[in-house]
Amino acid sequence: MTQKEGPFDFSEHELRTLGHKVVDHIVEHFGSLETRPVSRLDRWEDVQRELRVPFPEEGQDLDLLLSQTFEQIFSRSMLSNHPRFLGFIPSPGNPVSVFVEALVAAYNPFMGAWHEAAGPTMVELNVLDWLGGLIGFPEGCGGQVTSGGTAANLIGLVAARHHKLGDHPPESARVYLQPHTHRTILRNLRLLGFDSAQICELEGDGQGRMDPGSLITQIGRDRKVGLHPFCCVATAGTTNIGAVDPLDRLADICQKEGLWLHVDAAFGGASLLTREGKELLRGIERADTVVIDGHKWLFQPFEMGCIVARDSESLKAAFQMEADYTDDLESEIKLSDYGLQLSRSFKALKLWFSLRLLGQKAFREAVENGLESARTWQRLLDQEDDWTVVTPASLGVVSFRHKRLHDEGHRKLVKACWGSGKLVISSTVLQDRVTLRACPIHPSLDRKRLGSILSDLNEIARSVTE
């Protein structure tokens, strides 16, 4: 491309050429997604040799650079929005949001203050209102759109510490969680200065959920020896098996004992769109803070996490900052006062736009399809001689094992699937055994497609067992 005047000035024709080439590739990508390999395994040395290279002093040819981007960069990544991506928690984003992200990048609004982005701020507040209503929070709830569940959970834990322990938490502080709590919660707690002695991992109930009886017992023991219980971290949709902690019962305990109830619903929170999800997550409306990821089951591209507090002022009290150079930005609301970031991108537009364009009904049907797809996957496994279901379908997750494979064989099977490009599954450890897991929540999945995926899995498994 020929540059004009300044180093980043281009003619309208040159920009249109670049834009059309990129848009055409995106359209082609979505149109051919099911025919593309969902994954590939590459050697570190090969990728480094091709891509970890010096930057040129002079610019390169556009077509050559785009070709390298498509063929050497994006081709070397798993397609988490592919229907055959069943591993981890997929991110089956919708195409509408992809194009909206381009608009956000073009306008580049600063989301730290009202005066710099009045319209975008109101859209984010609108999205937070919708999420608060989905959770069942009262008027006055609010929060912030973040990069993902890790940042959103950290914000909730900061609020818990601030309101229950003050600015100087005592060494006696205790926070409670369970073995299937997402590991980033532990990292967040370490970042907040809590050591392992202050983090109590309770025994589960045998079904991947927190045991309320264990929580009550442990709180009593801790108080007797002078410890200071302040927070319970519950999970609505564990990554391992899709389990949901007994939120209503935990809310009873937290209310009685004066603990902050934080719910990590990064994955499972979107199920509140459905009648089934509302029943499974009953009690979530009694939490103090809740996290929901838009880039999981709300079908948005990375990055989008959300923290919603029952009382938005609880976040503001923990995060509001003052500085001379921000005096000009004082207004009725600054979203940067409700979380970690001052400089923030406009992450809410993609969800707002796709909800407006497609309607809540489309999202509800997509989530319901994921719930049913997991049950279908379980039924298909039950019909096979070589597979055994370890944990049944729960919030879109099924765990299972091959009857003729030991632990190392299951790990080899996962990598063989990735290397084949035909499907992605992942593994975990349950009851000291390596266990496979699938999360078939892509909205285009049906029994026929799932049957085809299982046929490919059977073929790959035979190559591993032979």
Protein backbone atom coordinates (compact mmCIF):
# COMPACT_ATOMS: atom_id res chain seq x y z
CA MET A 1 0.00 0.00 0.00
CA THR A 2 1.27 3.46 -0.85
CA GLN A 3 1.30 5.71 2.18
CA LYS A 4 0.16 9.35 1.90
CA GLU A 5 1.44 12.43 3.74
CA GLY A 6 1.66 11.06 7.31
CA PRO A 7 2.98 7.54 8.00
CA PHE A 8 -0.52 6.15 8.63
CA ASP A 9 -2.47 8.05 5.96
CA PHE A 10 -3.98 6.00 3.15
CA SER A 11 -6.23 6.83 0.26
CA GLU A 12 -9.88 5.81 0.40
CA HIS A 13 -9.23 3.30 -2.38
CA GLU A 14 -6.40 1.65 -0.46
CA LEU A 15 -8.50 1.38 2.69
CA ARG A 16 -11.42 -0.08 0.74
CA THR A 17 -9.08 -2.62 -0.84
CA LEU A 18 -7.79 -3.72 2.55
CA GLY A 19 -11.26 -3.72 4.07
CA HIS A 20 -12.81 -5.77 1.27
CA LYS A 21 -10.03 -8.34 1.38
CA VAL A 22 -10.40 -8.77 5.15
CA VAL A 23 -14.22 -8.87 5.08
CA ASP A 24 -14.23 -11.32 2.18
CA HIS A 25 -11.93 -13.61 4.12
CA ILE A 26 -14.11 -13.42 7.25
CA VAL A 27 -17.21 -14.27 5.21
CA GLU A 28 -15.36 -17.16 3.56
CA HIS A 29 -14.12 -18.33 6.95
CA PHE A 30 -17.63 -18.58 8.40
CA GLY A 31 -19.03 -20.07 5.21
CA SER A 32 -16.49 -22.87 5.17
CA LEU A 33 -16.00 -23.29 8.93
CA GLU A 34 -17.35 -26.84 9.15
CA THR A 35 -15.04 -28.00 6.36
CA ARG A 36 -11.91 -26.58 8.01
CA PRO A 37 -9.70 -28.55 10.39
CA VAL A 38 -10.72 -27.66 13.94
CA SER A 39 -7.13 -28.00 15.17
CA ARG A 40 -3.59 -29.04 14.28
CA LEU A 41 -0.45 -29.88 16.21
CA ASP A 42 2.66 -27.91 15.31
CA ARG A 43 6.25 -28.17 16.49
CA TRP A 44 7.44 -25.17 18.47
CA GLU A 45 10.62 -24.99 16.40
CA ASP A 46 8.73 -24.82 13.09
CA VAL A 47 6.38 -22.04 14.19
CA GLN A 48 9.19 -20.04 15.77
CA ARG A 49 11.33 -20.29 12.65
CA GLU A 50 8.55 -18.92 10.45
CA LEU A 51 6.98 -16.29 12.68
CA ARG A 52 9.40 -15.10 15.35
CA VAL A 53 11.41 -12.96 12.98
CA PRO A 54 12.72 -9.37 12.84
CA PHE A 55 10.30 -6.66 11.73
CA PRO A 56 11.19 -5.10 8.36
CA GLU A 57 12.38 -1.51 8.07
CA GLU A 58 10.24 -1.04 4.96
CA GLY A 59 6.64 -2.13 4.57
CA GLN A 60 5.69 -5.43 2.91
CA ASP A 61 3.25 -6.26 0.13
CA LEU A 62 -0.37 -6.37 1.35
CA ASP A 63 -1.36 -9.60 -0.38
CA LEU A 64 1.76 -11.36 0.84
CA LEU A 65 1.16 -10.20 4.41
CA LEU A 66 -2.52 -11.21 4.36
CA SER A 67 -1.57 -14.61 2.95
CA GLN A 68 0.91 -15.12 5.77
CA THR A 69 -1.69 -14.03 8.32
CA PHE A 70 -4.29 -16.50 7.06
CA GLU A 71 -2.05 -19.44 6.18
CA GLN A 72 0.69 -19.32 8.80
CA ILE A 73 -0.91 -17.63 11.81
CA PHE A 74 -4.64 -18.32 12.04
CA SER A 75 -4.23 -21.80 10.58
CA ARG A 76 -2.04 -22.57 13.60
CA SER A 77 -4.73 -22.16 16.20
CA MET A 78 -7.68 -24.18 17.40
CA LEU A 79 -11.00 -22.89 16.12
CA SER A 80 -12.96 -22.52 19.33
CA ASN A 81 -16.01 -21.39 17.33
CA HIS A 82 -15.96 -24.59 15.23
CA PRO A 83 -18.91 -27.00 15.74
CA ARG A 84 -16.39 -29.83 16.34
CA PHE A 85 -14.65 -27.96 19.15
CA LEU A 86 -15.99 -29.79 22.21
CA GLY A 87 -13.01 -29.25 24.51
CA PHE A 88 -12.63 -26.98 27.52
CA ILE A 89 -15.45 -24.40 27.32
CA PRO A 90 -15.92 -23.44 23.65
CA SER A 91 -16.40 -19.87 22.48
CA PRO A 92 -18.94 -20.30 19.69
CA GLY A 93 -19.24 -16.61 18.84
CA ASN A 94 -21.76 -15.39 16.29
CA PRO A 95 -20.71 -13.66 13.03
CA VAL A 96 -22.68 -10.48 13.79
CA SER A 97 -20.52 -9.70 16.79
CA VAL A 98 -17.35 -10.23 14.77
CA PHE A 99 -18.21 -7.38 12.40
CA VAL A 100 -19.37 -5.17 15.26
CA GLU A 101 -15.93 -5.58 16.85
CA ALA A 102 -14.45 -3.92 13.77
CA LEU A 103 -16.65 -0.87 14.38
CA VAL A 104 -15.44 -0.67 17.97
CA ALA A 105 -11.82 -0.77 16.84
CA ALA A 106 -12.48 1.97 14.27
CA TYR A 107 -14.17 4.41 16.66
CA ASN A 108 -11.94 3.38 19.57
CA PRO A 109 -13.98 4.98 22.39
CA PHE A 110 -12.37 5.42 25.81
CA MET A 111 -14.71 3.69 28.25
CA GLY A 112 -13.24 5.05 31.45
CA ALA A 113 -15.43 8.14 31.63
CA TRP A 114 -18.88 9.35 30.62
CA HIS A 115 -17.72 12.53 28.86
CA GLU A 116 -15.50 10.61 26.46
CA ALA A 117 -18.09 7.95 25.59
CA ALA A 118 -21.62 8.88 26.64
CA GLY A 119 -23.33 6.63 24.08
CA PRO A 120 -21.05 3.63 24.59
CA THR A 121 -21.30 4.02 28.38
CA MET A 122 -25.09 3.93 28.22
CA VAL A 123 -24.92 0.78 26.07
CA GLU A 124 -22.69 -0.92 28.64
CA LEU A 125 -25.08 0.11 31.41
CA ASN A 126 -27.94 -1.31 29.34
CA VAL A 127 -26.12 -4.63 28.99
CA LEU A 128 -25.42 -4.69 32.72
CA ASP A 129 -29.09 -3.95 33.41
CA TRP A 130 -30.02 -6.92 31.23
CA LEU A 131 -27.56 -9.23 32.98
CA GLY A 132 -28.73 -8.03 36.40
CA GLY A 133 -32.31 -8.80 35.38
CA LEU A 134 -31.24 -12.21 34.12
CA ILE A 135 -29.65 -12.95 37.49
CA GLY A 136 -32.67 -11.61 39.37
CA PHE A 137 -30.91 -8.71 41.07
CA PRO A 138 -32.95 -5.72 42.25
CA GLU A 139 -32.78 -2.18 40.88
CA GLY A 140 -29.48 -0.59 41.80
CA CYS A 141 -27.37 -3.49 40.63
CA GLY A 142 -24.47 -2.82 38.29
CA GLY A 143 -20.89 -3.56 37.49
CA GLN A 144 -18.49 -3.59 34.60
CA VAL A 145 -17.68 -5.44 31.39
CA THR A 146 -14.17 -6.88 31.61
CA SER A 147 -11.74 -8.99 29.61
CA GLY A 148 -13.05 -12.27 31.03
CA GLY A 149 -13.89 -14.31 34.09
CA THR A 150 -10.46 -13.97 35.67
CA ALA A 151 -10.64 -10.18 35.83
CA ALA A 152 -14.34 -10.19 36.71
CA ASN A 153 -13.81 -12.64 39.58
CA LEU A 154 -10.92 -10.55 40.87
CA ILE A 155 -13.19 -7.50 41.00
CA GLY A 156 -15.79 -9.43 42.99
CA LEU A 157 -13.20 -10.71 45.45
CA VAL A 158 -11.77 -7.21 45.93
CA ALA A 159 -15.28 -6.00 46.81
CA ALA A 160 -15.70 -8.88 49.26
CA ARG A 161 -12.40 -8.07 50.95
CA HIS A 162 -13.13 -4.35 51.10
CA HIS A 163 -16.60 -4.66 52.61
CA LYS A 164 -15.97 -7.53 54.99
CA LEU A 165 -12.35 -6.93 56.04
CA GLY A 166 -11.55 -3.29 55.29
CA ASP A 167 -8.34 -2.06 53.72
CA HIS A 168 -6.09 -4.10 56.02
CA PRO A 169 -7.33 -7.71 56.07
CA PRO A 170 -6.34 -9.61 59.21
CA GLU A 171 -4.21 -12.73 59.01
CA SER A 172 -7.16 -14.57 60.48
CA ALA A 173 -9.34 -13.96 57.40
CA ARG A 174 -10.86 -17.09 55.82
CA VAL A 175 -12.42 -17.62 52.41
CA TYR A 176 -14.21 -20.83 51.41
CA LEU A 177 -14.34 -22.64 48.10
CA GLN A 178 -14.49 -26.22 46.79
CA PRO A 179 -12.15 -28.54 44.84
CA HIS A 180 -13.80 -27.78 41.48
CA THR A 181 -13.60 -23.99 41.91
CA HIS A 182 -11.80 -22.50 38.92
CA ARG A 183 -8.07 -22.33 39.57
CA THR A 184 -7.89 -18.67 38.57
CA ILE A 185 -9.85 -17.93 41.75
CA LEU A 186 -6.88 -19.23 43.75
CA ARG A 187 -4.53 -17.06 41.72
CA ASN A 188 -6.74 -14.04 42.32
CA LEU A 189 -6.74 -14.69 46.05
CA ARG A 190 -2.95 -14.90 46.04
CA LEU A 191 -2.82 -11.59 44.16
CA LEU A 192 -4.97 -10.10 46.91
CA GLY A 193 -2.49 -11.22 49.54
CA PHE A 194 -4.22 -14.31 50.92
CA ASP A 195 -1.97 -17.26 51.67
CA SER A 196 -2.89 -20.93 51.57
CA ALA A 197 -3.75 -20.96 55.29
CA GLN A 198 -6.47 -18.39 54.67
CA ILE A 199 -8.04 -20.31 51.79
CA CYS A 200 -10.19 -23.22 52.90
CA GLU A 201 -10.98 -25.82 50.23
CA LEU A 202 -14.00 -27.69 51.57
CA GLU A 203 -14.82 -31.29 50.82
CA GLY A 204 -17.33 -31.68 48.02
CA ASP A 205 -20.60 -33.58 48.15
CA GLY A 206 -19.37 -36.35 45.84
CA GLN A 207 -21.07 -34.79 42.82
CA GLY A 208 -18.68 -31.93 42.19
CA ARG A 209 -20.60 -29.45 44.34
CA MET A 210 -19.86 -27.61 47.55
CA ASP A 211 -21.33 -29.33 50.60
CA PRO A 212 -23.32 -26.83 52.73
CA GLY A 213 -22.90 -29.03 55.80
CA SER A 214 -19.12 -28.89 55.46
CA LEU A 215 -19.29 -25.11 55.12
CA ILE A 216 -21.36 -24.72 58.29
CA THR A 217 -19.07 -27.03 60.22
CA GLN A 218 -15.89 -25.33 59.04
CA ILE A 219 -17.17 -21.83 59.80
CA GLY A 220 -17.96 -22.95 63.35
CA ARG A 221 -14.53 -24.50 63.81
CA ASP A 222 -12.78 -21.44 62.43
CA ARG A 223 -14.67 -19.02 64.65
CA LYS A 224 -13.81 -21.10 67.74
CA VAL A 225 -10.08 -20.68 67.10
CA GLY A 226 -10.33 -16.95 66.43
CA LEU A 227 -10.41 -16.98 62.62
CA HIS A 228 -12.48 -14.50 60.60
CA PRO A 229 -14.70 -16.08 57.90
CA PHE A 230 -15.65 -13.42 55.34
CA CYS A 231 -16.39 -14.91 51.89
CA CYS A 232 -17.81 -17.99 50.20
CA VAL A 233 -16.98 -18.51 46.52
CA ALA A 234 -19.65 -20.63 44.83
CA THR A 235 -19.62 -21.95 41.27
CA ALA A 236 -22.50 -22.16 38.80
CA GLY A 237 -21.16 -24.43 36.09
CA THR A 238 -17.79 -25.97 36.95
CA THR A 239 -15.38 -26.39 34.08
CA ASN A 240 -14.74 -30.02 34.98
CA ILE A 241 -18.26 -31.40 34.92
CA GLY A 242 -20.74 -28.52 34.71
CA ALA A 243 -21.80 -28.88 38.35
CA VAL A 244 -23.71 -26.13 40.15
CA ASP A 245 -23.19 -25.50 43.85
CA PRO A 246 -26.40 -25.41 45.98
CA LEU A 247 -26.69 -21.65 45.73
CA ASP A 248 -29.89 -21.17 47.71
CA ARG A 249 -28.56 -23.14 50.68
CA LEU A 250 -25.21 -21.37 50.53
CA ALA A 251 -27.03 -18.03 50.47
CA ASP A 252 -28.87 -19.02 53.66
CA ILE A 253 -25.55 -19.78 55.37
CA CYS A 254 -23.83 -16.61 54.16
CA GLN A 255 -26.74 -14.46 55.24
CA LYS A 256 -26.79 -16.02 58.70
CA GLU A 257 -23.02 -15.96 59.18
CA GLY A 258 -22.39 -12.53 57.60
CA LEU A 259 -20.28 -13.81 54.69
CA TRP A 260 -20.02 -12.29 51.24
CA LEU A 261 -21.41 -14.69 48.61
CA HIS A 262 -19.58 -14.48 45.31
CA VAL A 263 -20.81 -16.71 42.46
CA ASP A 264 -18.56 -17.62 39.57
CA ALA A 265 -21.14 -18.26 36.85
CA ALA A 266 -18.71 -17.46 34.04
CA PHE A 267 -19.93 -20.49 32.10
CA GLY A 268 -23.28 -21.46 33.57
CA GLY A 269 -24.78 -18.02 34.06
CA ALA A 270 -26.06 -17.83 30.49
CA SER A 271 -28.29 -20.83 31.20
CA LEU A 272 -30.50 -18.42 33.16
CA LEU A 273 -32.05 -17.64 29.79
CA THR A 274 -33.78 -21.03 30.00
CA ARG A 275 -36.30 -22.51 32.41
CA GLU A 276 -33.91 -25.37 33.14
CA GLY A 277 -31.08 -23.00 33.96
CA LYS A 278 -33.21 -20.88 36.25
CA GLU A 279 -34.07 -23.96 38.27
CA LEU A 280 -30.47 -25.21 38.41
CA LEU A 281 -29.18 -21.79 39.50
CA ARG A 282 -31.97 -21.04 41.96
CA GLY A 283 -30.61 -18.76 44.66
CA ILE A 284 -28.10 -16.92 42.47
CA GLU A 285 -30.23 -13.80 42.87
CA ARG A 286 -29.22 -13.75 46.55
CA ALA A 287 -25.49 -13.43 45.83
CA ASP A 288 -23.53 -10.24 46.44
CA THR A 289 -21.55 -10.48 43.20
CA VAL A 290 -21.93 -12.68 40.12
CA VAL A 291 -19.64 -13.25 37.12
CA ILE A 292 -20.90 -14.20 33.65
CA ASP A 293 -18.69 -14.52 30.55
CA GLY A 294 -20.12 -13.26 27.29
CA HIS A 295 -17.48 -15.11 25.28
CA LYS A 296 -18.69 -18.48 26.51
CA TRP A 297 -22.39 -19.31 26.36
CA LEU A 298 -23.54 -15.88 25.20
CA PHE A 299 -21.85 -16.49 21.84
CA GLN A 300 -19.51 -13.50 21.73
CA PRO A 301 -15.92 -13.51 20.45
CA PHE A 302 -13.11 -13.03 22.96
CA GLU A 303 -12.87 -10.95 25.16
CA MET A 304 -15.96 -10.35 27.26
CA GLY A 305 -16.48 -11.05 30.94
CA CYS A 306 -19.00 -9.33 33.20
CA ILE A 307 -19.10 -8.64 36.93
CA VAL A 308 -22.50 -7.68 38.31
CA ALA A 309 -23.02 -6.65 41.94
CA ARG A 310 -26.33 -6.70 43.75
CA ASP A 311 -25.50 -3.13 44.82
CA SER A 312 -23.30 -1.32 42.31
CA GLU A 313 -22.13 1.05 45.06
CA SER A 314 -20.33 -1.88 46.68
CA LEU A 315 -17.96 -1.94 43.71
CA LYS A 316 -17.58 1.82 43.57
CA ALA A 317 -16.62 1.94 47.24
CA ALA A 318 -13.82 -0.55 46.58
CA PHE A 319 -12.46 0.91 43.34
CA GLN A 320 -13.20 4.62 43.02
CA MET A 321 -10.05 6.71 42.61
CA GLU A 322 -9.29 10.40 42.49
CA ALA A 323 -6.52 12.19 40.62
CA ASP A 324 -5.92 15.77 39.48
CA TYR A 325 -5.64 14.70 35.86
CA THR A 326 -9.10 13.11 35.94
CA ASP A 327 -10.95 16.09 37.44
CA ASP A 328 -12.24 17.05 34.01
CA LEU A 329 -13.90 13.64 33.73
CA GLU A 330 -16.02 13.93 36.85
CA SER A 331 -19.63 13.13 35.99
CA GLU A 332 -22.64 11.22 37.21
CA ILE A 333 -20.94 7.93 36.39
CA LYS A 334 -17.47 6.72 35.47
CA LEU A 335 -17.46 3.01 34.72
CA SER A 336 -13.76 2.92 35.58
CA ASP A 337 -14.85 3.43 39.21
CA TYR A 338 -16.38 -0.05 39.25
CA GLY A 339 -13.39 -2.22 38.47
CA LEU A 340 -9.70 -2.52 37.71
CA GLN A 341 -9.22 -0.61 34.48
CA LEU A 342 -9.18 3.08 33.69
CA SER A 343 -8.44 2.56 29.99
CA ARG A 344 -11.17 0.24 28.79
CA SER A 345 -12.41 -0.83 25.36
CA PHE A 346 -16.06 -0.94 24.32
CA LYS A 347 -16.64 -4.67 24.84
CA ALA A 348 -20.39 -4.40 25.50
CA LEU A 349 -21.44 -3.35 21.98
CA LYS A 350 -21.12 -6.81 20.42
CA LEU A 351 -23.55 -8.36 22.92
CA TRP A 352 -25.89 -5.37 22.83
CA PHE A 353 -25.97 -5.33 19.02
CA SER A 354 -26.47 -9.07 18.58
CA LEU A 355 -29.19 -9.16 21.24
CA ARG A 356 -30.96 -6.29 19.50
CA LEU A 357 -30.57 -7.75 16.02
CA LEU A 358 -31.35 -11.39 16.82
CA GLY A 359 -33.51 -11.08 19.94
CA GLN A 360 -33.32 -12.90 23.26
CA LYS A 361 -35.28 -15.79 21.79
CA ALA A 362 -32.39 -16.72 19.48
CA PHE A 363 -29.96 -16.78 22.39
CA ARG A 364 -32.38 -18.81 24.52
CA GLU A 365 -32.81 -21.38 21.76
CA ALA A 366 -29.04 -21.59 21.28
CA VAL A 367 -28.46 -22.27 24.98
CA GLU A 368 -31.29 -24.81 25.05
CA ASN A 369 -29.69 -26.54 22.08
CA GLY A 370 -26.42 -26.82 24.02
CA LEU A 371 -28.19 -28.36 26.99
CA GLU A 372 -29.87 -30.91 24.72
CA SER A 373 -26.69 -31.58 22.72
CA ALA A 374 -24.91 -32.65 25.90
CA ARG A 375 -27.71 -35.07 26.69
CA THR A 376 -27.60 -36.37 23.13
CA TRP A 377 -23.83 -36.92 23.41
CA GLN A 378 -24.39 -38.85 26.62
CA ARG A 379 -27.05 -41.03 24.99
CA LEU A 380 -24.79 -41.73 22.00
CA LEU A 381 -21.97 -42.81 24.36
CA ASP A 382 -24.37 -45.07 26.28
CA GLN A 383 -25.19 -46.88 23.03
CA GLU A 384 -21.51 -47.70 22.42
CA ASP A 385 -19.68 -50.71 23.86
CA ASP A 386 -16.32 -48.97 24.32
CA TRP A 387 -17.40 -45.93 26.30
CA THR A 388 -18.63 -45.34 29.82
CA VAL A 389 -20.13 -42.10 31.06
CA VAL A 390 -18.43 -40.88 34.24
CA THR A 391 -20.62 -37.85 34.97
CA PRO A 392 -23.90 -37.25 33.14
CA ALA A 393 -24.76 -34.18 31.12
CA SER A 394 -24.85 -31.07 33.29
CA LEU A 395 -24.92 -27.54 31.89
CA GLY A 396 -23.56 -28.75 28.57
CA VAL A 397 -20.69 -30.88 29.94
CA VAL A 398 -20.31 -34.69 29.85
CA SER A 399 -17.30 -36.63 31.16
CA PHE A 400 -16.49 -40.15 29.94
CA ARG A 401 -13.79 -42.79 29.59
CA HIS A 402 -12.80 -45.45 27.07
CA LYS A 403 -13.08 -48.90 28.61
CA ARG A 404 -9.83 -50.18 27.04
CA LEU A 405 -7.61 -47.18 27.75
CA HIS A 406 -5.65 -46.36 30.88
CA ASP A 407 -4.80 -42.83 31.98
CA GLU A 408 -1.91 -42.31 29.59
CA GLY A 409 -3.98 -43.73 26.75
CA HIS A 410 -6.68 -41.12 27.38
CA ARG A 411 -4.09 -38.35 27.22
CA LYS A 412 -2.76 -39.80 23.94
CA LEU A 413 -6.30 -39.92 22.59
CA VAL A 414 -6.82 -36.22 23.29
CA LYS A 415 -3.66 -35.30 21.38
CA ALA A 416 -4.53 -37.71 18.58
CA CYS A 417 -7.87 -35.95 18.18
CA TRP A 418 -6.17 -32.57 18.05
CA GLY A 419 -3.64 -33.81 15.52
CA SER A 420 -6.36 -35.22 13.29
CA GLY A 421 -8.06 -31.85 12.88
CA LYS A 422 -11.40 -33.66 13.07
CA LEU A 423 -12.43 -32.80 16.63
CA VAL A 424 -11.27 -31.30 19.89
CA ILE A 425 -12.03 -32.86 23.24
CA SER A 426 -10.14 -32.28 26.48
CA SER A 427 -9.36 -34.18 29.65
CA THR A 428 -9.46 -33.70 33.38
CA VAL A 429 -8.86 -35.83 36.46
CA LEU A 430 -11.86 -37.20 38.37
CA GLN A 431 -11.49 -39.60 41.27
CA ASP A 432 -7.77 -39.90 40.51
CA ARG A 433 -8.40 -41.06 36.93
CA VAL A 434 -7.81 -39.21 33.68
CA THR A 435 -11.25 -38.60 32.24
CA LEU A 436 -12.34 -37.20 28.90
CA ARG A 437 -14.84 -34.39 28.74
CA ALA A 438 -16.94 -32.85 26.01
CA CYS A 439 -18.81 -29.56 25.98
CA PRO A 440 -20.98 -29.60 22.83
CA ILE A 441 -22.60 -26.16 23.07
CA HIS A 442 -22.17 -24.91 19.51
CA PRO A 443 -25.66 -23.85 18.36
CA SER A 444 -25.41 -25.69 15.01
CA LEU A 445 -24.95 -29.11 16.62
CA ASP A 446 -27.65 -31.75 16.26
CA ARG A 447 -27.85 -35.52 16.64
CA LYS A 448 -26.55 -36.17 13.12
CA ARG A 449 -23.49 -33.95 13.55
CA LEU A 450 -22.79 -35.35 17.02
CA GLY A 451 -23.06 -38.89 15.66
CA SER A 452 -20.53 -38.05 12.97
CA ILE A 453 -18.16 -36.58 15.58
CA LEU A 454 -18.45 -39.73 17.71
CA SER A 455 -17.73 -41.90 14.67
CA ASP A 456 -14.50 -39.98 14.12
CA LEU A 457 -13.67 -40.28 17.82
CA ASN A 458 -14.20 -44.04 17.62
CA GLU A 459 -11.87 -44.29 14.63
CA ILE A 460 -9.15 -42.27 16.37
CA ALA A 461 -9.59 -44.32 19.55
CA ARG A 462 -9.07 -47.53 17.59
CA SER A 463 -5.76 -46.21 16.29
CA VAL A 464 -4.68 -45.46 19.87
CA THR A 465 -5.76 -48.82 21.31
CA GLU A 466 -4.25 -50.96 18.53
